[in-house]
Amino acid sequence: MGFEARPAQPPIDVFVSGQTQFRAAFTDELVGHRIELNGPDSRRVTLEFLESHVLRRTVPGGVAAVELHYDATAVRPGIYLIDYLDPSWPMSSALNSHARLLSWVLELKPARATLAVSGIVTADHPGLGALLRGRTDHEFWSTDIDSSPHPRSSGLVGHRVIWRYSDTDEYEHNYLNSGTFVWQCLRGVERGLSELDPSRAYAIADGLYFFHWSEVDLVVESALVVDLHALRTYGRFYALDAGDAELRHHQFGAVGELLGVAIYPSDPDYRPV
């Protein structure tokens, strides 16, 4: 008995088109705020939210400030997901020909944030040689340099959730352990596709996580806020389209249905914290 062929992967623009129906509306609540943050290696940045979808990003050292398009989503009172492309944000080994994507999960008072920076890098493949791949770095920034960072967490481990992005697009997520999860498409143009991907999660608040995964088959870096209390997600992905080698940046959101929570042995890697 032979194995069934894996369904063909649709173009990126096709499968993302059905993932915005349940995306939360963007907010202008940050307009007028000026936030100064301290980061790793004594770096500093100022974010000024000038108007709807326009922020000014300033770093010290005589570097000119830049104005960038941003999108912000309120995930809970005082907690925001802020997302924008930045062509000059430093990232080691990243190709300057492709803008970095910055996604901040920001607690406003006092200001502290976990930042996911996604870029395109060159990686060596043992059989195929040098390939373009995505990479995401995570950093902690805060107004108070003594603030505690959002910790790595296994709080999602064991959860199986169906996430509905629209009336026609559904995916199951199975969070296996603190570094791996499985997704499969139940309905939509990716139906029948599934993947085991490396992942990580940070605890932002009770039942609220900043979750990231890197896809194995495609150059896709996804990051989203998962709210297990409200069973909602707020997220984005950053991808390099294999067809035209162009960047794709897309924001999405979903409502969830909890299928169950597995109870694992007492191994620390499996016990939610």
C-alpha atoms as a PDB file:
ATOM      1  CA  MET A   1       0.000   0.000   0.000  1.00  0.00           C
ATOM      2  CA  GLY A   2       1.553   3.306  -1.087  1.00  0.00           C
ATOM      3  CA  PHE A   3       1.490   6.663   0.616  1.00  0.00           C
ATOM      4  CA  GLU A   4      -0.804   9.413  -0.630  1.00  0.00           C
ATOM      5  CA  ALA A   5       0.971  12.278  -2.367  1.00  0.00           C
ATOM      6  CA  ARG A   6       1.345  15.449  -0.328  1.00  0.00           C
ATOM      7  CA  PRO A   7      -1.042  18.135  -1.634  1.00  0.00           C
ATOM      8  CA  ALA A   8       0.643  20.884  -3.617  1.00  0.00           C
ATOM      9  CA  GLN A   9       1.522  24.027  -1.679  1.00  0.00           C
ATOM     10  CA  PRO A  10      -0.545  26.942  -3.051  1.00  0.00           C
ATOM     11  CA  PRO A  11       1.109  30.325  -3.691  1.00  0.00           C
ATOM     12  CA  ILE A  12       1.452  32.413  -0.545  1.00  0.00           C
ATOM     13  CA  ASP A  13      -0.887  35.150  -1.778  1.00  0.00           C
ATOM     14  CA  VAL A  14      -3.612  32.541  -2.278  1.00  0.00           C
ATOM     15  CA  PHE A  15      -3.652  30.930   1.136  1.00  0.00           C
ATOM     16  CA  VAL A  16      -3.382  34.200   3.079  1.00  0.00           C
ATOM     17  CA  SER A  17      -6.357  35.747   1.299  1.00  0.00           C
ATOM     18  CA  GLY A  18      -8.768  33.821   3.525  1.00  0.00           C
ATOM     19  CA  GLN A  19      -7.174  34.702   6.861  1.00  0.00           C
ATOM     20  CA  THR A  20      -8.465  38.188   7.617  1.00  0.00           C
ATOM     21  CA  GLN A  21     -12.187  37.725   8.366  1.00  0.00           C
ATOM     22  CA  PHE A  22     -11.634  37.277  12.107  1.00  0.00           C
ATOM     23  CA  ARG A  23      -8.623  39.577  12.374  1.00  0.00           C
ATOM     24  CA  ALA A  24      -9.181  42.209  15.050  1.00  0.00           C
ATOM     25  CA  ALA A  25      -9.511  45.802  13.913  1.00  0.00           C
ATOM     26  CA  PHE A  26      -6.381  47.939  14.087  1.00  0.00           C
ATOM     27  CA  THR A  27      -6.359  50.601  16.777  1.00  0.00           C
ATOM     28  CA  ASP A  28      -5.276  54.249  16.976  1.00  0.00           C
ATOM     29  CA  GLU A  29      -5.028  54.186  20.789  1.00  0.00           C
ATOM     30  CA  LEU A  30      -1.266  54.720  20.670  1.00  0.00           C
ATOM     31  CA  VAL A  31      -1.434  57.932  18.636  1.00  0.00           C
ATOM     32  CA  GLY A  32       0.243  60.708  20.623  1.00  0.00           C
ATOM     33  CA  HIS A  33       2.396  58.339  22.696  1.00  0.00           C
ATOM     34  CA  ARG A  34       6.177  58.705  22.770  1.00  0.00           C
ATOM     35  CA  ILE A  35       7.908  55.632  24.212  1.00  0.00           C
ATOM     36  CA  GLU A  36      11.608  55.381  25.007  1.00  0.00           C
ATOM     37  CA  LEU A  37      12.944  51.841  25.385  1.00  0.00           C
ATOM     38  CA  ASN A  38      16.258  50.292  26.450  1.00  0.00           C
ATOM     39  CA  GLY A  39      17.294  47.046  24.811  1.00  0.00           C
ATOM     40  CA  PRO A  40      20.124  44.535  24.686  1.00  0.00           C
ATOM     41  CA  ASP A  41      23.742  45.679  24.461  1.00  0.00           C
ATOM     42  CA  SER A  42      22.803  49.154  25.795  1.00  0.00           C
ATOM     43  CA  ARG A  43      20.790  49.942  22.660  1.00  0.00           C
ATOM     44  CA  ARG A  44      17.983  52.489  22.828  1.00  0.00           C
ATOM     45  CA  VAL A  45      15.045  53.379  20.620  1.00  0.00           C
ATOM     46  CA  THR A  46      12.247  55.945  20.700  1.00  0.00           C
ATOM     47  CA  LEU A  47       8.890  55.199  19.104  1.00  0.00           C
ATOM     48  CA  GLU A  48       6.605  58.181  18.478  1.00  0.00           C
ATOM     49  CA  PHE A  49       3.119  57.367  17.218  1.00  0.00           C
ATOM     50  CA  LEU A  50       2.435  60.475  15.135  1.00  0.00           C
ATOM     51  CA  GLU A  51      -0.910  59.587  13.602  1.00  0.00           C
ATOM     52  CA  SER A  52      -2.931  56.625  12.432  1.00  0.00           C
ATOM     53  CA  HIS A  53      -0.468  54.058  11.020  1.00  0.00           C
ATOM     54  CA  VAL A  54       2.512  56.484  11.073  1.00  0.00           C
ATOM     55  CA  LEU A  55       5.322  56.237  13.637  1.00  0.00           C
ATOM     56  CA  ARG A  56       8.723  57.873  13.914  1.00  0.00           C
ATOM     57  CA  ARG A  57      11.563  55.553  14.941  1.00  0.00           C
ATOM     58  CA  THR A  58      14.651  57.236  16.407  1.00  0.00           C
ATOM     59  CA  VAL A  59      17.886  55.699  17.660  1.00  0.00           C
ATOM     60  CA  PRO A  60      20.720  57.689  19.305  1.00  0.00           C
ATOM     61  CA  GLY A  61      24.093  58.250  17.706  1.00  0.00           C
ATOM     62  CA  GLY A  62      23.346  60.709  14.941  1.00  0.00           C
ATOM     63  CA  VAL A  63      21.288  58.276  12.857  1.00  0.00           C
ATOM     64  CA  ALA A  64      18.431  60.053  11.119  1.00  0.00           C
ATOM     65  CA  ALA A  65      14.936  59.304  12.390  1.00  0.00           C
ATOM     66  CA  VAL A  66      12.653  57.455   9.986  1.00  0.00           C
ATOM     67  CA  GLU A  67       8.903  57.501   9.593  1.00  0.00           C
ATOM     68  CA  LEU A  68       7.333  54.098   9.017  1.00  0.00           C
ATOM     69  CA  HIS A  69       3.900  52.615   8.424  1.00  0.00           C
ATOM     70  CA  TYR A  70       2.744  50.598  11.429  1.00  0.00           C
ATOM     71  CA  ASP A  71      -0.303  48.596  12.444  1.00  0.00           C
ATOM     72  CA  ALA A  72      -1.300  48.207  16.076  1.00  0.00           C
ATOM     73  CA  THR A  73      -3.777  45.817  17.655  1.00  0.00           C
ATOM     74  CA  ALA A  74      -5.079  46.005  21.218  1.00  0.00           C
ATOM     75  CA  VAL A  75      -4.924  42.448  22.535  1.00  0.00           C
ATOM     76  CA  ARG A  76      -5.881  43.321  26.120  1.00  0.00           C
ATOM     77  CA  PRO A  77      -6.236  46.652  27.934  1.00  0.00           C
ATOM     78  CA  GLY A  78      -2.780  48.249  27.924  1.00  0.00           C
ATOM     79  CA  ILE A  79      -1.178  45.473  25.843  1.00  0.00           C
ATOM     80  CA  TYR A  80      -0.578  45.924  22.110  1.00  0.00           C
ATOM     81  CA  LEU A  81       0.865  44.083  19.149  1.00  0.00           C
ATOM     82  CA  ILE A  82       2.747  46.625  16.988  1.00  0.00           C
ATOM     83  CA  ASP A  83       3.935  45.519  13.567  1.00  0.00           C
ATOM     84  CA  TYR A  84       5.988  47.283  10.877  1.00  0.00           C
ATOM     85  CA  LEU A  85       8.657  46.791   8.232  1.00  0.00           C
ATOM     86  CA  ASP A  86      11.959  48.561   8.901  1.00  0.00           C
ATOM     87  CA  PRO A  87      14.564  48.543   6.093  1.00  0.00           C
ATOM     88  CA  SER A  88      17.453  49.689   8.294  1.00  0.00           C
ATOM     89  CA  TRP A  89      16.940  47.929  11.632  1.00  0.00           C
ATOM     90  CA  PRO A  90      20.180  46.072  12.477  1.00  0.00           C
ATOM     91  CA  MET A  91      20.094  42.272  12.446  1.00  0.00           C
ATOM     92  CA  SER A  92      23.230  40.169  12.351  1.00  0.00           C
ATOM     93  CA  SER A  93      23.766  38.236   9.101  1.00  0.00           C
ATOM     94  CA  ALA A  94      20.471  39.453   7.636  1.00  0.00           C
ATOM     95  CA  LEU A  95      20.445  40.518   3.985  1.00  0.00           C
ATOM     96  CA  ASN A  96      20.040  44.284   3.667  1.00  0.00           C
ATOM     97  CA  SER A  97      18.186  43.768   0.385  1.00  0.00           C
ATOM     98  CA  HIS A  98      15.130  42.689   2.390  1.00  0.00           C
ATOM     99  CA  ALA A  99      13.514  44.829   5.084  1.00  0.00           C
ATOM    100  CA  ARG A 100      13.232  43.408   8.565  1.00  0.00           C
ATOM    101  CA  LEU A 101       9.833  42.920  10.128  1.00  0.00           C
ATOM    102  CA  LEU A 102       9.503  44.134  13.723  1.00  0.00           C
ATOM    103  CA  SER A 103       6.680  42.918  15.923  1.00  0.00           C
ATOM    104  CA  TRP A 104       6.482  44.319  19.440  1.00  0.00           C
ATOM    105  CA  VAL A 105       4.236  42.945  22.160  1.00  0.00           C
ATOM    106  CA  LEU A 106       4.145  46.064  24.294  1.00  0.00           C
ATOM    107  CA  GLU A 107       2.840  46.540  27.804  1.00  0.00           C
ATOM    108  CA  LEU A 108       2.226  50.258  28.078  1.00  0.00           C
ATOM    109  CA  LYS A 109       2.503  51.038  31.807  1.00  0.00           C
ATOM    110  CA  PRO A 110       5.277  50.622  32.697  1.00  0.00           C
ATOM    111  CA  ALA A 111       6.545  50.186  29.169  1.00  0.00           C
ATOM    112  CA  ARG A 112       8.179  46.826  28.499  1.00  0.00           C
ATOM    113  CA  ALA A 113       8.085  44.720  25.376  1.00  0.00           C
ATOM    114  CA  THR A 114       9.204  41.504  23.772  1.00  0.00           C
ATOM    115  CA  LEU A 115      10.329  42.145  20.207  1.00  0.00           C
ATOM    116  CA  ALA A 116      10.382  39.601  17.379  1.00  0.00           C
ATOM    117  CA  VAL A 117      12.672  40.691  14.520  1.00  0.00           C
ATOM    118  CA  SER A 118      12.375  38.651  11.323  1.00  0.00           C
ATOM    119  CA  GLY A 119      14.844  38.862   8.448  1.00  0.00           C
ATOM    120  CA  ILE A 120      16.147  36.929   5.464  1.00  0.00           C
ATOM    121  CA  VAL A 121      19.483  35.162   5.858  1.00  0.00           C
ATOM    122  CA  THR A 122      21.612  32.768   3.814  1.00  0.00           C
ATOM    123  CA  ALA A 123      21.838  29.244   5.209  1.00  0.00           C
ATOM    124  CA  ASP A 124      23.890  26.280   3.989  1.00  0.00           C
ATOM    125  CA  HIS A 125      21.954  23.156   3.031  1.00  0.00           C
ATOM    126  CA  PRO A 126      23.991  19.920   2.918  1.00  0.00           C
ATOM    127  CA  GLY A 127      22.506  18.861  -0.416  1.00  0.00           C
ATOM    128  CA  LEU A 128      21.357  22.072  -2.053  1.00  0.00           C
ATOM    129  CA  GLY A 129      24.042  24.579  -1.081  1.00  0.00           C
ATOM    130  CA  ALA A 130      23.303  28.152  -0.016  1.00  0.00           C
ATOM    131  CA  LEU A 131      19.601  28.902   0.402  1.00  0.00           C
ATOM    132  CA  LEU A 132      17.648  31.953   1.484  1.00  0.00           C
ATOM    133  CA  ARG A 133      15.845  31.274   4.744  1.00  0.00           C
ATOM    134  CA  GLY A 134      13.995  33.270   7.365  1.00  0.00           C
ATOM    135  CA  ARG A 135      15.225  33.875  10.895  1.00  0.00           C
ATOM    136  CA  THR A 136      13.576  35.540  13.862  1.00  0.00           C
ATOM    137  CA  ASP A 137      15.452  36.993  16.831  1.00  0.00           C
ATOM    138  CA  HIS A 138      13.736  37.798  20.118  1.00  0.00           C
ATOM    139  CA  GLU A 139      14.738  40.698  22.336  1.00  0.00           C
ATOM    140  CA  PHE A 140      13.447  42.309  25.520  1.00  0.00           C
ATOM    141  CA  TRP A 141      13.100  46.095  25.743  1.00  0.00           C
ATOM    142  CA  SER A 142      11.825  48.292  28.558  1.00  0.00           C
ATOM    143  CA  THR A 143      11.706  51.823  29.921  1.00  0.00           C
ATOM    144  CA  ASP A 144      13.181  50.608  33.213  1.00  0.00           C
ATOM    145  CA  ILE A 145      16.462  48.798  32.590  1.00  0.00           C
ATOM    146  CA  ASP A 146      15.783  46.704  35.713  1.00  0.00           C
ATOM    147  CA  SER A 147      12.447  45.372  34.420  1.00  0.00           C
ATOM    148  CA  SER A 148      12.120  41.617  34.267  1.00  0.00           C
ATOM    149  CA  PRO A 149      11.776  40.187  30.744  1.00  0.00           C
ATOM    150  CA  HIS A 150       8.776  38.183  29.654  1.00  0.00           C
ATOM    151  CA  PRO A 151       9.891  34.603  30.368  1.00  0.00           C
ATOM    152  CA  ARG A 152      10.059  31.680  27.970  1.00  0.00           C
ATOM    153  CA  SER A 153       7.016  29.545  28.697  1.00  0.00           C
ATOM    154  CA  SER A 154       5.602  26.090  28.104  1.00  0.00           C
ATOM    155  CA  GLY A 155       2.108  27.246  29.045  1.00  0.00           C
ATOM    156  CA  LEU A 156       0.713  26.297  25.633  1.00  0.00           C
ATOM    157  CA  VAL A 157       2.075  22.751  25.824  1.00  0.00           C
ATOM    158  CA  GLY A 158      -0.576  20.057  25.543  1.00  0.00           C
ATOM    159  CA  HIS A 159      -3.252  22.330  24.087  1.00  0.00           C
ATOM    160  CA  ARG A 160      -4.978  21.315  20.857  1.00  0.00           C
ATOM    161  CA  VAL A 161      -6.955  24.167  19.311  1.00  0.00           C
ATOM    162  CA  ILE A 162      -8.838  24.685  16.067  1.00  0.00           C
ATOM    163  CA  TRP A 163      -8.183  28.243  14.906  1.00  0.00           C
ATOM    164  CA  ARG A 164     -10.761  29.683  12.493  1.00  0.00           C
ATOM    165  CA  TYR A 165      -9.383  32.487  10.339  1.00  0.00           C
ATOM    166  CA  SER A 166     -12.569  32.784   8.285  1.00  0.00           C
ATOM    167  CA  ASP A 167     -15.712  30.843   7.454  1.00  0.00           C
ATOM    168  CA  THR A 168     -13.646  28.857   4.960  1.00  0.00           C
ATOM    169  CA  ASP A 169     -10.194  28.573   6.608  1.00  0.00           C
ATOM    170  CA  GLU A 170      -9.460  26.413   9.650  1.00  0.00           C
ATOM    171  CA  TYR A 171      -6.200  25.107  11.115  1.00  0.00           C
ATOM    172  CA  GLU A 172      -5.480  22.837  14.041  1.00  0.00           C
ATOM    173  CA  HIS A 173      -2.527  23.662  16.280  1.00  0.00           C
ATOM    174  CA  ASN A 174      -1.099  20.999  18.556  1.00  0.00           C
ATOM    175  CA  TYR A 175       1.514  22.439  20.934  1.00  0.00           C
ATOM    176  CA  LEU A 176       3.735  19.411  21.584  1.00  0.00           C
ATOM    177  CA  ASN A 177       6.486  20.771  23.826  1.00  0.00           C
ATOM    178  CA  SER A 178       8.379  23.964  24.589  1.00  0.00           C
ATOM    179  CA  GLY A 179      10.172  23.935  21.226  1.00  0.00           C
ATOM    180  CA  THR A 180       7.894  22.161  18.722  1.00  0.00           C
ATOM    181  CA  PHE A 181       4.343  22.307  17.451  1.00  0.00           C
ATOM    182  CA  VAL A 182       2.266  20.801  14.644  1.00  0.00           C
ATOM    183  CA  TRP A 183      -0.214  22.571  12.412  1.00  0.00           C
ATOM    184  CA  GLN A 184      -2.593  21.070   9.896  1.00  0.00           C
ATOM    185  CA  CYS A 185      -5.106  22.727   7.583  1.00  0.00           C
ATOM    186  CA  LEU A 186      -8.616  21.372   8.077  1.00  0.00           C
ATOM    187  CA  ARG A 187     -10.399  23.680   5.652  1.00  0.00           C
ATOM    188  CA  GLY A 188      -9.087  26.078   3.013  1.00  0.00           C
ATOM    189  CA  VAL A 189      -6.679  26.031   0.103  1.00  0.00           C
ATOM    190  CA  GLU A 190      -4.000  24.294   2.219  1.00  0.00           C
ATOM    191  CA  ARG A 191      -6.367  21.472   3.212  1.00  0.00           C
ATOM    192  CA  GLY A 192      -4.412  18.280   3.743  1.00  0.00           C
ATOM    193  CA  LEU A 193      -1.130  20.061   4.409  1.00  0.00           C
ATOM    194  CA  SER A 194       0.552  19.759   7.796  1.00  0.00           C
ATOM    195  CA  GLU A 195       3.951  20.482   9.260  1.00  0.00           C
ATOM    196  CA  LEU A 196       6.061  19.959  12.355  1.00  0.00           C
ATOM    197  CA  ASP A 197       7.878  23.230  13.060  1.00  0.00           C
ATOM    198  CA  PRO A 198      10.271  24.644  15.662  1.00  0.00           C
ATOM    199  CA  SER A 199       8.567  27.143  17.936  1.00  0.00           C
ATOM    200  CA  ARG A 200       8.886  29.149  21.132  1.00  0.00           C
ATOM    201  CA  ALA A 201       6.526  31.021  23.424  1.00  0.00           C
ATOM    202  CA  TYR A 202       6.837  33.861  25.937  1.00  0.00           C
ATOM    203  CA  ALA A 203       4.389  34.498  28.783  1.00  0.00           C
ATOM    204  CA  ILE A 204       3.052  38.067  28.555  1.00  0.00           C
ATOM    205  CA  ALA A 205       0.205  37.854  31.079  1.00  0.00           C
ATOM    206  CA  ASP A 206      -2.073  35.213  32.566  1.00  0.00           C
ATOM    207  CA  GLY A 207      -3.148  32.998  29.664  1.00  0.00           C
ATOM    208  CA  LEU A 208      -1.519  35.348  27.137  1.00  0.00           C
ATOM    209  CA  TYR A 209       1.489  34.215  25.089  1.00  0.00           C
ATOM    210  CA  PHE A 210       3.702  35.571  22.322  1.00  0.00           C
ATOM    211  CA  PHE A 211       4.231  32.551  20.069  1.00  0.00           C
ATOM    212  CA  HIS A 212       6.627  32.171  17.139  1.00  0.00           C
ATOM    213  CA  TRP A 213       7.393  29.429  14.644  1.00  0.00           C
ATOM    214  CA  SER A 214       9.642  28.992  11.602  1.00  0.00           C
ATOM    215  CA  GLU A 215       8.234  26.881   8.783  1.00  0.00           C
ATOM    216  CA  VAL A 216      10.427  24.089   7.460  1.00  0.00           C
ATOM    217  CA  ASP A 217       9.181  23.818   3.872  1.00  0.00           C
ATOM    218  CA  LEU A 218       8.652  27.500   3.086  1.00  0.00           C
ATOM    219  CA  VAL A 219      10.507  30.685   4.012  1.00  0.00           C
ATOM    220  CA  VAL A 220       7.836  31.793   6.479  1.00  0.00           C
ATOM    221  CA  GLU A 221       8.307  33.346   9.927  1.00  0.00           C
ATOM    222  CA  SER A 222       5.094  33.632  11.937  1.00  0.00           C
ATOM    223  CA  ALA A 223       4.536  35.395  15.247  1.00  0.00           C
ATOM    224  CA  LEU A 224       1.267  35.835  17.057  1.00  0.00           C
ATOM    225  CA  VAL A 225      -0.289  36.601  20.382  1.00  0.00           C
ATOM    226  CA  VAL A 226      -2.321  33.662  21.688  1.00  0.00           C
ATOM    227  CA  ASP A 227      -5.014  34.430  24.265  1.00  0.00           C
ATOM    228  CA  LEU A 228      -6.153  31.150  25.814  1.00  0.00           C
ATOM    229  CA  HIS A 229      -8.777  32.920  27.934  1.00  0.00           C
ATOM    230  CA  ALA A 230     -10.525  34.621  25.014  1.00  0.00           C
ATOM    231  CA  LEU A 231      -9.504  31.880  22.532  1.00  0.00           C
ATOM    232  CA  ARG A 232      -8.272  34.457  20.028  1.00  0.00           C
ATOM    233  CA  THR A 233      -5.040  35.078  18.165  1.00  0.00           C
ATOM    234  CA  TYR A 234      -3.519  38.255  16.748  1.00  0.00           C
ATOM    235  CA  GLY A 235      -0.595  37.734  14.435  1.00  0.00           C
ATOM    236  CA  ARG A 236       1.524  38.203  11.346  1.00  0.00           C
ATOM    237  CA  PHE A 237       3.793  36.336   9.034  1.00  0.00           C
ATOM    238  CA  TYR A 238       6.839  37.325   7.047  1.00  0.00           C
ATOM    239  CA  ALA A 239       7.681  35.274   3.991  1.00  0.00           C
ATOM    240  CA  LEU A 240       9.801  35.096   0.883  1.00  0.00           C
ATOM    241  CA  ASP A 241       7.670  33.988  -2.051  1.00  0.00           C
ATOM    242  CA  ALA A 242       9.376  31.205  -4.002  1.00  0.00           C
ATOM    243  CA  GLY A 243       7.630  32.328  -7.188  1.00  0.00           C
ATOM    244  CA  ASP A 244       8.955  35.880  -7.485  1.00  0.00           C
ATOM    245  CA  ALA A 245      11.437  36.100  -4.553  1.00  0.00           C
ATOM    246  CA  GLU A 246       9.448  39.036  -3.152  1.00  0.00           C
ATOM    247  CA  LEU A 247       8.680  39.609   0.512  1.00  0.00           C
ATOM    248  CA  ARG A 248       5.170  38.962   1.711  1.00  0.00           C
ATOM    249  CA  HIS A 249       3.974  40.542   4.953  1.00  0.00           C
ATOM    250  CA  HIS A 250       0.501  39.672   6.136  1.00  0.00           C
ATOM    251  CA  GLN A 251      -1.505  40.126   9.333  1.00  0.00           C
ATOM    252  CA  PHE A 252      -4.141  37.679  10.433  1.00  0.00           C
ATOM    253  CA  GLY A 253      -6.319  36.709  13.350  1.00  0.00           C
ATOM    254  CA  ALA A 254      -8.439  33.787  14.434  1.00  0.00           C
ATOM    255  CA  VAL A 255     -11.069  32.630  16.887  1.00  0.00           C
ATOM    256  CA  GLY A 256     -10.510  29.278  18.534  1.00  0.00           C
ATOM    257  CA  GLU A 257     -12.156  26.102  19.732  1.00  0.00           C
ATOM    258  CA  LEU A 258     -10.288  24.116  22.364  1.00  0.00           C
ATOM    259  CA  LEU A 259     -10.216  20.414  21.503  1.00  0.00           C
ATOM    260  CA  GLY A 260      -8.481  19.335  24.688  1.00  0.00           C
ATOM    261  CA  VAL A 261      -5.409  19.586  26.881  1.00  0.00           C
ATOM    262  CA  ALA A 262      -3.040  16.633  27.177  1.00  0.00           C
ATOM    263  CA  ILE A 263      -1.664  15.869  30.623  1.00  0.00           C
ATOM    264  CA  TYR A 264       2.002  15.013  30.266  1.00  0.00           C
ATOM    265  CA  PRO A 265       4.431  13.381  32.716  1.00  0.00           C
ATOM    266  CA  SER A 266       6.374  15.530  35.148  1.00  0.00           C
ATOM    267  CA  ASP A 267       9.322  16.095  32.776  1.00  0.00           C
ATOM    268  CA  PRO A 268       9.996  19.885  33.050  1.00  0.00           C
ATOM    269  CA  ASP A 269       9.989  20.247  29.252  1.00  0.00           C
ATOM    270  CA  TYR A 270       6.362  19.144  29.133  1.00  0.00           C
ATOM    271  CA  ARG A 271       4.949  20.630  32.312  1.00  0.00           C
ATOM    272  CA  PRO A 272       3.330  24.039  31.586  1.00  0.00           C
ATOM    273  CA  VAL A 273       4.843  26.928  33.528  1.00  0.00           C
END
